[in-house]
PDB file of N, CA and C in Angstrom:
ATOM      1  N   MET A   1      79.649  98.832 111.181  1.00  0.00           N
ATOM      2  CA  MET A   1      79.816 100.191 110.712  1.00  0.00           C
ATOM      3  C   MET A   1      81.022 100.258 109.779  1.00  0.00           C
ATOM      4  N   ALA A   2      80.949 101.061 108.767  1.00  0.00           N
ATOM      5  CA  ALA A   2      82.010 101.172 107.768  1.00  0.00           C
ATOM      6  C   ALA A   2      83.335 101.585 108.399  1.00  0.00           C
ATOM      7  N   LEU A   3      83.289 102.488 109.373  1.00  0.00           N
ATOM      8  CA  LEU A   3      84.521 102.964 110.001  1.00  0.00           C
ATOM      9  C   LEU A   3      85.257 101.819 110.687  1.00  0.00           C
ATOM     10  N   ASP A   4      84.545 100.946 111.384  1.00  0.00           N
ATOM     11  CA  ASP A   4      85.173  99.803 112.045  1.00  0.00           C
ATOM     12  C   ASP A   4      85.863  98.901 111.031  1.00  0.00           C
ATOM     13  N   ALA A   5      85.209  98.669 109.907  1.00  0.00           N
ATOM     14  CA  ALA A   5      85.792  97.814 108.870  1.00  0.00           C
ATOM     15  C   ALA A   5      87.080  98.421 108.319  1.00  0.00           C
ATOM     16  N   VAL A   6      87.079  99.719 108.119  1.00  0.00           N
ATOM     17  CA  VAL A   6      88.272 100.389 107.593  1.00  0.00           C
ATOM     18  C   VAL A   6      89.397 100.349 108.621  1.00  0.00           C
ATOM     19  N   LEU A   7      89.082 100.624 109.886  1.00  0.00           N
ATOM     20  CA  LEU A   7      90.105 100.594 110.931  1.00  0.00           C
ATOM     21  C   LEU A   7      90.694  99.197 111.100  1.00  0.00           C
ATOM     22  N   GLU A   8      89.855  98.172 110.983  1.00  0.00           N
ATOM     23  CA  GLU A   8      90.336  96.801 111.110  1.00  0.00           C
ATOM     24  C   GLU A   8      91.208  96.392 109.933  1.00  0.00           C
ATOM     25  N   ALA A   9      91.026  97.029 108.795  1.00  0.00           N
ATOM     26  CA  ALA A   9      91.832  96.714 107.611  1.00  0.00           C
ATOM     27  C   ALA A   9      93.260  97.233 107.739  1.00  0.00           C
ATOM     28  N   ASP A  10      93.493  98.182 108.604  1.00  0.00           N
ATOM     29  CA  ASP A  10      94.834  98.742 108.803  1.00  0.00           C
ATOM     30  C   ASP A  10      95.612  97.809 109.729  1.00  0.00           C
ATOM     31  N   GLN A  11      96.166  96.744 109.142  1.00  0.00           N
ATOM     32  CA  GLN A  11      96.786  95.678 109.921  1.00  0.00           C
ATOM     33  C   GLN A  11      98.016  96.129 110.708  1.00  0.00           C
ATOM     34  N   GLU A  12      98.864  96.960 110.119  1.00  0.00           N
ATOM     35  CA  GLU A  12     100.055  97.406 110.845  1.00  0.00           C
ATOM     36  C   GLU A  12      99.664  98.205 112.080  1.00  0.00           C
ATOM     37  N   ARG A  13      98.699  99.096 111.933  1.00  0.00           N
ATOM     38  CA  ARG A  13      98.230  99.907 113.054  1.00  0.00           C
ATOM     39  C   ARG A  13      97.674  99.018 114.164  1.00  0.00           C
ATOM     40  N   LEU A  14      96.837  98.052 113.792  1.00  0.00           N
ATOM     41  CA  LEU A  14      96.253  97.144 114.776  1.00  0.00           C
ATOM     42  C   LEU A  14      97.323  96.336 115.494  1.00  0.00           C
ATOM     43  N   LYS A  15      98.292  95.830 114.741  1.00  0.00           N
ATOM     44  CA  LYS A  15      99.372  95.037 115.338  1.00  0.00           C
ATOM     45  C   LYS A  15     100.167  95.876 116.332  1.00  0.00           C
ATOM     46  N   LEU A  16     100.492  97.101 115.943  1.00  0.00           N
ATOM     47  CA  LEU A  16     101.261  97.978 116.824  1.00  0.00           C
ATOM     48  C   LEU A  16     100.477  98.357 118.079  1.00  0.00           C
ATOM     49  N   LEU A  17      99.199  98.651 117.930  1.00  0.00           N
ATOM     50  CA  LEU A  17      98.384  99.019 119.090  1.00  0.00           C
ATOM     51  C   LEU A  17      98.232  97.845 120.063  1.00  0.00           C
ATOM     52  N   THR A  18      98.111  96.640 119.522  1.00  0.00           N
ATOM     53  CA  THR A  18      98.034  95.447 120.370  1.00  0.00           C
ATOM     54  C   THR A  18      99.357  95.227 121.088  1.00  0.00           C
ATOM     55  N   GLU A  19     100.460  95.369 120.349  1.00  0.00           N
ATOM     56  CA  GLU A  19     101.781  95.205 120.963  1.00  0.00           C
ATOM     57  C   GLU A  19     102.022  96.269 122.029  1.00  0.00           C
ATOM     58  N   GLU A  20     101.575  97.503 121.752  1.00  0.00           N
ATOM     59  CA  GLU A  20     101.699  98.584 122.731  1.00  0.00           C
ATOM     60  C   GLU A  20     101.007  98.208 124.037  1.00  0.00           C
ATOM     61  N   LYS A  21      99.788  97.703 123.918  1.00  0.00           N
ATOM     62  CA  LYS A  21      99.000  97.314 125.093  1.00  0.00           C
ATOM     63  C   LYS A  21      99.709  96.216 125.894  1.00  0.00           C
ATOM     64  N   ASP A  22     100.238  95.215 125.197  1.00  0.00           N
ATOM     65  CA  ASP A  22     100.941  94.113 125.860  1.00  0.00           C
ATOM     66  C   ASP A  22     102.232  94.584 126.516  1.00  0.00           C
ATOM     67  N   LEU A  23     102.984  95.433 125.814  1.00  0.00           N
ATOM     68  CA  LEU A  23     104.261  95.910 126.342  1.00  0.00           C
ATOM     69  C   LEU A  23     104.082  96.811 127.564  1.00  0.00           C
ATOM     70  N   LYS A  24     103.001  97.574 127.588  1.00  0.00           N
ATOM     71  CA  LYS A  24     102.750  98.456 128.727  1.00  0.00           C
ATOM     72  C   LYS A  24     102.647  97.673 130.033  1.00  0.00           C
ATOM     73  N   LYS A  25     102.079  96.481 129.952  1.00  0.00           N
ATOM     74  CA  LYS A  25     101.913  95.645 131.144  1.00  0.00           C
ATOM     75  C   LYS A  25     103.267  95.238 131.733  1.00  0.00           C
ATOM     76  N   VAL A  26     104.256  94.994 130.859  1.00  0.00           N
ATOM     77  CA  VAL A  26     105.553  94.470 131.287  1.00  0.00           C
ATOM     78  C   VAL A  26     106.576  95.581 131.516  1.00  0.00           C
ATOM     79  N   SER A  27     106.453  96.678 130.795  1.00  0.00           N
ATOM     80  CA  SER A  27     107.500  97.705 130.795  1.00  0.00           C
ATOM     81  C   SER A  27     107.685  98.403 132.140  1.00  0.00           C
ATOM     82  N   SER A  28     106.705  98.355 132.994  1.00  0.00           N
ATOM     83  CA  SER A  28     106.819  99.030 134.285  1.00  0.00           C
ATOM     84  C   SER A  28     107.558  98.183 135.332  1.00  0.00           C
ATOM     85  N   GLU A  29     107.842  96.940 134.983  1.00  0.00           N
ATOM     86  CA  GLU A  29     108.550  96.059 135.912  1.00  0.00           C
ATOM     87  C   GLU A  29     110.035  96.415 135.963  1.00  0.00           C
ATOM     88  N   ASN A  30     110.638  96.306 137.115  1.00  0.00           N
ATOM     89  CA  ASN A  30     112.065  96.582 137.293  1.00  0.00           C
ATOM     90  C   ASN A  30     112.874  95.304 137.076  1.00  0.00           C
ATOM     91  N   THR A  31     112.694  94.700 135.918  1.00  0.00           N
ATOM     92  CA  THR A  31     113.405  93.472 135.569  1.00  0.00           C
ATOM     93  C   THR A  31     114.033  93.645 134.195  1.00  0.00           C
ATOM     94  N   GLU A  32     114.882  92.695 133.825  1.00  0.00           N
ATOM     95  CA  GLU A  32     115.499  92.721 132.491  1.00  0.00           C
ATOM     96  C   GLU A  32     114.419  92.704 131.415  1.00  0.00           C
ATOM     97  N   GLU A  33     113.412  91.874 131.627  1.00  0.00           N
ATOM     98  CA  GLU A  33     112.296  91.789 130.680  1.00  0.00           C
ATOM     99  C   GLU A  33     111.559  93.129 130.590  1.00  0.00           C
ATOM    100  N   GLY A  34     111.382  93.779 131.729  1.00  0.00           N
ATOM    101  CA  GLY A  34     110.721  95.071 131.748  1.00  0.00           C
ATOM    102  C   GLY A  34     111.502  96.141 130.999  1.00  0.00           C
ATOM    103  N   PHE A  35     112.828  96.113 131.150  1.00  0.00           N
ATOM    104  CA  PHE A  35     113.667  97.088 130.445  1.00  0.00           C
ATOM    105  C   PHE A  35     113.639  96.853 128.934  1.00  0.00           C
ATOM    106  N   LYS A  36     113.673  95.568 128.528  1.00  0.00           N
ATOM    107  CA  LYS A  36     113.595  95.241 127.101  1.00  0.00           C
ATOM    108  C   LYS A  36     112.234  95.653 126.545  1.00  0.00           C
ATOM    109  N   ALA A  37     111.184  95.397 127.315  1.00  0.00           N
ATOM    110  CA  ALA A  37     109.840  95.772 126.884  1.00  0.00           C
ATOM    111  C   ALA A  37     109.727  97.281 126.738  1.00  0.00           C
ATOM    112  N   ASN A  38     110.355  98.026 127.645  1.00  0.00           N
ATOM    113  CA  ASN A  38     110.331  99.484 127.568  1.00  0.00           C
ATOM    114  C   ASN A  38     111.047  99.980 126.317  1.00  0.00           C
ATOM    115  N   ASP A  39     112.194  99.360 125.986  1.00  0.00           N
ATOM    116  CA  ASP A  39     112.908  99.733 124.758  1.00  0.00           C
ATOM    117  C   ASP A  39     112.048  99.471 123.534  1.00  0.00           C
ATOM    118  N   ARG A  40     111.417  98.301 123.491  1.00  0.00           N
ATOM    119  CA  ARG A  40     110.552  97.959 122.355  1.00  0.00           C
ATOM    120  C   ARG A  40     109.350  98.887 122.308  1.00  0.00           C
ATOM    121  N   LEU A  41     108.814  99.247 123.452  1.00  0.00           N
ATOM    122  CA  LEU A  41     107.673 100.153 123.512  1.00  0.00           C
ATOM    123  C   LEU A  41     108.019 101.497 122.888  1.00  0.00           C
ATOM    124  N   MET A  42     109.231 101.976 123.118  1.00  0.00           N
ATOM    125  CA  MET A  42     109.668 103.242 122.507  1.00  0.00           C
ATOM    126  C   MET A  42     109.710 103.116 120.982  1.00  0.00           C
ATOM    127  N   GLU A  43     110.153 101.963 120.470  1.00  0.00           N
ATOM    128  CA  GLU A  43     110.161 101.723 119.019  1.00  0.00           C
ATOM    129  C   GLU A  43     108.738 101.696 118.465  1.00  0.00           C
ATOM    130  N   VAL A  44     107.843 101.049 119.204  1.00  0.00           N
ATOM    131  CA  VAL A  44     106.440 100.973 118.781  1.00  0.00           C
ATOM    132  C   VAL A  44     105.839 102.375 118.737  1.00  0.00           C
ATOM    133  N   TYR A  45     106.103 103.188 119.769  1.00  0.00           N
ATOM    134  CA  TYR A  45     105.583 104.564 119.779  1.00  0.00           C
ATOM    135  C   TYR A  45     106.116 105.362 118.583  1.00  0.00           C
ATOM    136  N   ARG A  46     107.393 105.172 118.271  1.00  0.00           N
ATOM    137  CA  ARG A  46     107.972 105.878 117.117  1.00  0.00           C
ATOM    138  C   ARG A  46     107.253 105.502 115.830  1.00  0.00           C
ATOM    139  N   ARG A  47     107.019 104.197 115.654  1.00  0.00           N
ATOM    140  CA  ARG A  47     106.353 103.741 114.431  1.00  0.00           C
ATOM    141  C   ARG A  47     104.902 104.212 114.391  1.00  0.00           C
ATOM    142  N   LEU A  48     104.204 104.168 115.509  1.00  0.00           N
ATOM    143  CA  LEU A  48     102.825 104.667 115.548  1.00  0.00           C
ATOM    144  C   LEU A  48     102.771 106.139 115.147  1.00  0.00           C
ATOM    145  N   LYS A  49     103.759 106.890 115.594  1.00  0.00           N
ATOM    146  CA  LYS A  49     103.815 108.300 115.230  1.00  0.00           C
ATOM    147  C   LYS A  49     104.103 108.470 113.741  1.00  0.00           C
ATOM    148  N   GLU A  50     105.013 107.665 113.205  1.00  0.00           N
ATOM    149  CA  GLU A  50     105.361 107.737 111.784  1.00  0.00           C
ATOM    150  C   GLU A  50     104.158 107.478 110.883  1.00  0.00           C
ATOM    151  N   ILE A  51     103.330 106.532 111.272  1.00  0.00           N
ATOM    152  CA  ILE A  51     102.169 106.192 110.431  1.00  0.00           C
ATOM    153  C   ILE A  51     100.918 106.971 110.829  1.00  0.00           C
ATOM    154  N   ASN A  52     101.068 107.931 111.727  1.00  0.00           N
ATOM    155  CA  ASN A  52      99.935 108.759 112.187  1.00  0.00           C
ATOM    156  C   ASN A  52      98.773 107.902 112.687  1.00  0.00           C
ATOM    157  N   ALA A  53      99.103 106.902 113.474  1.00  0.00           N
ATOM    158  CA  ALA A  53      98.108 105.932 113.939  1.00  0.00           C
ATOM    159  C   ALA A  53      97.009 106.565 114.781  1.00  0.00           C
ATOM    160  N   TYR A  54      97.338 107.573 115.551  1.00  0.00           N
ATOM    161  CA  TYR A  54      96.351 108.153 116.462  1.00  0.00           C
ATOM    162  C   TYR A  54      95.378 109.101 115.763  1.00  0.00           C
ATOM    163  N   SER A  55      95.667 109.465 114.523  1.00  0.00           N
ATOM    164  CA  SER A  55      94.729 110.301 113.775  1.00  0.00           C
ATOM    165  C   SER A  55      94.007 109.497 112.697  1.00  0.00           C
ATOM    166  N   ALA A  56      94.208 108.187 112.697  1.00  0.00           N
ATOM    167  CA  ALA A  56      93.639 107.332 111.656  1.00  0.00           C
ATOM    168  C   ALA A  56      92.122 107.427 111.587  1.00  0.00           C
ATOM    169  N   GLU A  57      91.466 107.397 112.733  1.00  0.00           N
ATOM    170  CA  GLU A  57      90.001 107.413 112.734  1.00  0.00           C
ATOM    171  C   GLU A  57      89.465 108.652 112.017  1.00  0.00           C
ATOM    172  N   GLY A  58      90.012 109.811 112.321  1.00  0.00           N
ATOM    173  CA  GLY A  58      89.564 111.043 111.670  1.00  0.00           C
ATOM    174  C   GLY A  58      89.815 111.036 110.172  1.00  0.00           C
ATOM    175  N   ARG A  59      90.976 110.526 109.766  1.00  0.00           N
ATOM    176  CA  ARG A  59      91.290 110.468 108.330  1.00  0.00           C
ATOM    177  C   ARG A  59      90.353 109.504 107.618  1.00  0.00           C
ATOM    178  N   TYR A  60      90.062 108.372 108.254  1.00  0.00           N
ATOM    179  CA  TYR A  60      89.187 107.396 107.624  1.00  0.00           C
ATOM    180  C   TYR A  60      87.753 107.900 107.543  1.00  0.00           C
ATOM    181  N   VAL A  61      87.311 108.637 108.536  1.00  0.00           N
ATOM    182  CA  VAL A  61      85.962 109.217 108.487  1.00  0.00           C
ATOM    183  C   VAL A  61      85.844 110.141 107.288  1.00  0.00           C
ATOM    184  N   ILE A  62      86.855 110.953 107.058  1.00  0.00           N
ATOM    185  CA  ILE A  62      86.841 111.867 105.914  1.00  0.00           C
ATOM    186  C   ILE A  62      86.739 111.079 104.612  1.00  0.00           C
ATOM    187  N   LEU A  63      87.487 109.986 104.496  1.00  0.00           N
ATOM    188  CA  LEU A  63      87.416 109.158 103.290  1.00  0.00           C
ATOM    189  C   LEU A  63      86.035 108.532 103.116  1.00  0.00           C
ATOM    190  N   ILE A  64      85.479 108.029 104.206  1.00  0.00           N
ATOM    191  CA  ILE A  64      84.156 107.403 104.129  1.00  0.00           C
ATOM    192  C   ILE A  64      83.119 108.431 103.689  1.00  0.00           C
ATOM    193  N   ILE A  65      83.179 109.621 104.256  1.00  0.00           N
ATOM    194  CA  ILE A  65      82.236 110.674 103.875  1.00  0.00           C
ATOM    195  C   ILE A  65      82.429 111.054 102.420  1.00  0.00           C
ATOM    196  N   ALA A  66      83.678 111.175 101.993  1.00  0.00           N
ATOM    197  CA  ALA A  66      83.961 111.585 100.615  1.00  0.00           C
ATOM    198  C   ALA A  66      83.422 110.589  99.597  1.00  0.00           C
ATOM    199  N   PHE A  67      83.448 109.302  99.925  1.00  0.00           N
ATOM    200  CA  PHE A  67      83.017 108.289  98.970  1.00  0.00           C
ATOM    201  C   PHE A  67      81.584 107.821  99.186  1.00  0.00           C
ATOM    202  N   SER A  68      80.910 108.366 100.176  1.00  0.00           N
ATOM    203  CA  SER A  68      79.545 107.963 100.471  1.00  0.00           C
ATOM    204  C   SER A  68      78.559 108.735  99.612  1.00  0.00           C
ATOM    205  N   THR A  69      77.509 108.047  99.185  1.00  0.00           N
ATOM    206  CA  THR A  69      76.458 108.721  98.427  1.00  0.00           C
ATOM    207  C   THR A  69      75.220 108.946  99.284  1.00  0.00           C
ATOM    208  N   ASP A  70      75.204 108.386 100.473  1.00  0.00           N
ATOM    209  CA  ASP A  70      74.078 108.517 101.387  1.00  0.00           C
ATOM    210  C   ASP A  70      74.551 109.136 102.694  1.00  0.00           C
ATOM    211  N   CYS A  71      73.592 109.472 103.533  1.00  0.00           N
ATOM    212  CA  CYS A  71      73.929 109.945 104.870  1.00  0.00           C
ATOM    213  C   CYS A  71      74.459 108.760 105.680  1.00  0.00           C
ATOM    214  N   ILE A  72      75.489 109.013 106.437  1.00  0.00           N
ATOM    215  CA  ILE A  72      76.045 107.967 107.283  1.00  0.00           C
ATOM    216  C   ILE A  72      76.243 108.520 108.682  1.00  0.00           C
ATOM    217  N   THR A  73      76.176 107.648 109.652  1.00  0.00           N
ATOM    218  CA  THR A  73      76.429 108.034 111.030  1.00  0.00           C
ATOM    219  C   THR A  73      77.866 107.666 111.355  1.00  0.00           C
ATOM    220  N   VAL A  74      78.600 108.622 111.870  1.00  0.00           N
ATOM    221  CA  VAL A  74      79.996 108.397 112.239  1.00  0.00           C
ATOM    222  C   VAL A  74      80.178 108.830 113.682  1.00  0.00           C
ATOM    223  N   PRO A  75      81.271 108.391 114.337  1.00  0.00           N
ATOM    224  CA  PRO A  75      81.460 108.733 115.750  1.00  0.00           C
ATOM    225  C   PRO A  75      81.650 110.220 115.982  1.00  0.00           C
ATOM    226  N   ARG A  76      81.447 110.627 117.230  1.00  0.00           N
ATOM    227  CA  ARG A  76      81.717 112.011 117.595  1.00  0.00           C
ATOM    228  C   ARG A  76      83.141 112.350 117.278  1.00  0.00           C
ATOM    229  N   PRO A  77      83.508 113.510 116.889  1.00  0.00           N
ATOM    230  CA  PRO A  77      82.705 114.715 116.753  1.00  0.00           C
ATOM    231  C   PRO A  77      82.085 114.870 115.377  1.00  0.00           C
ATOM    232  N   PHE A  78      82.022 113.791 114.600  1.00  0.00           N
ATOM    233  CA  PHE A  78      81.587 113.907 113.221  1.00  0.00           C
ATOM    234  C   PHE A  78      80.074 113.774 113.051  1.00  0.00           C
ATOM    235  N   TYR A  79      79.406 113.071 113.978  1.00  0.00           N
ATOM    236  CA  TYR A  79      77.957 112.888 113.989  1.00  0.00           C
ATOM    237  C   TYR A  79      77.415 112.353 112.685  1.00  0.00           C
ATOM    238  N   LEU A  80      76.556 113.123 112.028  1.00  0.00           N
ATOM    239  CA  LEU A  80      75.912 112.672 110.800  1.00  0.00           C
ATOM    240  C   LEU A  80      76.491 113.446 109.628  1.00  0.00           C
ATOM    241  N   ALA A  81      76.882 112.731 108.633  1.00  0.00           N
ATOM    242  CA  ALA A  81      77.467 113.372 107.476  1.00  0.00           C
ATOM    243  C   ALA A  81      76.695 112.960 106.224  1.00  0.00           C
ATOM    244  N   CYS A  82      76.356 113.923 105.422  1.00  0.00           N
ATOM    245  CA  CYS A  82      75.648 113.657 104.185  1.00  0.00           C
ATOM    246  C   CYS A  82      76.448 114.188 103.016  1.00  0.00           C
ATOM    247  N   ASN A  83      76.576 113.372 102.006  1.00  0.00           N
ATOM    248  CA  ASN A  83      77.275 113.799 100.807  1.00  0.00           C
ATOM    249  C   ASN A  83      76.297 113.951  99.653  1.00  0.00           C
ATOM    250  N   SER A  84      75.039 113.593  99.901  1.00  0.00           N
ATOM    251  CA  SER A  84      74.041 113.690  98.847  1.00  0.00           C
ATOM    252  C   SER A  84      73.200 114.952  99.049  1.00  0.00           C
ATOM    253  N   PRO A  85      72.616 115.463  97.977  1.00  0.00           N
ATOM    254  CA  PRO A  85      71.782 116.659  98.098  1.00  0.00           C
ATOM    255  C   PRO A  85      70.564 116.396  98.988  1.00  0.00           C
ATOM    256  N   LYS A  86      70.160 117.402  99.735  1.00  0.00           N
ATOM    257  CA  LYS A  86      68.977 117.289 100.602  1.00  0.00           C
ATOM    258  C   LYS A  86      67.720 117.314  99.750  1.00  0.00           C
ATOM    259  N   LYS A  87      66.735 116.524 100.176  1.00  0.00           N
ATOM    260  CA  LYS A  87      65.477 116.464  99.423  1.00  0.00           C
ATOM    261  C   LYS A  87      64.448 117.370 100.031  1.00  0.00           C
TER     262      LYS A  87
END
């Protein structure tokens, strides 16, 4: 699907989301490593917010629809979007 390809192209977002997932596992530990992971996790959250990572899918859907000449299927809540005239 076009949306998956676009989301995968956003390398910084993907890297941060992967790091977030890994850090969450360690950050809850009451160890030095856990405290460091928690500090880094806060930095990752800040950067994700700066790049609007959590709204990326919606923004990319809008771009895909805008540049599409045919009907395309996109995830909920967008369903089916057509940019071409109905026949």
